[in-house]
Amino acid sequence: MRASNVFQFEQEVPWEDLGNGIQRQVFGYDETIMLVKAKFEKGAVGTMHQHPHVQVTYVESGAFEMTIGEEKKIIRKGDGYYVKPNVIHGCVCLEAGTLVDAFSPLREDFI
């Protein structure tokens, strides 16, 4: 497994269009950790899903209705959340914004 470059510059990291108003930028990673930015248009839905990775997310901008397991909360710029492995989660974007995700181990499906 190849690790990312030591530095990543936002203007040089390509955005991947995931469709339905969501884009993704993959930043630093190695086998144990990965940093990802996800940009959402208003109304975009991060469908309910689960994965074996630990996830910690920071809301860089916007507002989201976030569901983690049985809990649903509105989160905004400056907020964050933690998802244990294999817990179902997803969101609806209420105001266009960006989430910054850290995964451990890395999401091999993203590279």
Foldseek 3Di string as FASTA:
>chain_A
DDWDDPDDDPVPFDWDDPDQFKIKTWGTADQFKTKMKIWGAAFRKFDKDFAQKKKKKAWCAAWKFKDWANDTDIDGHGDIDIHHHGIIMMIHTHHTGMMMMMITHDDPVVD
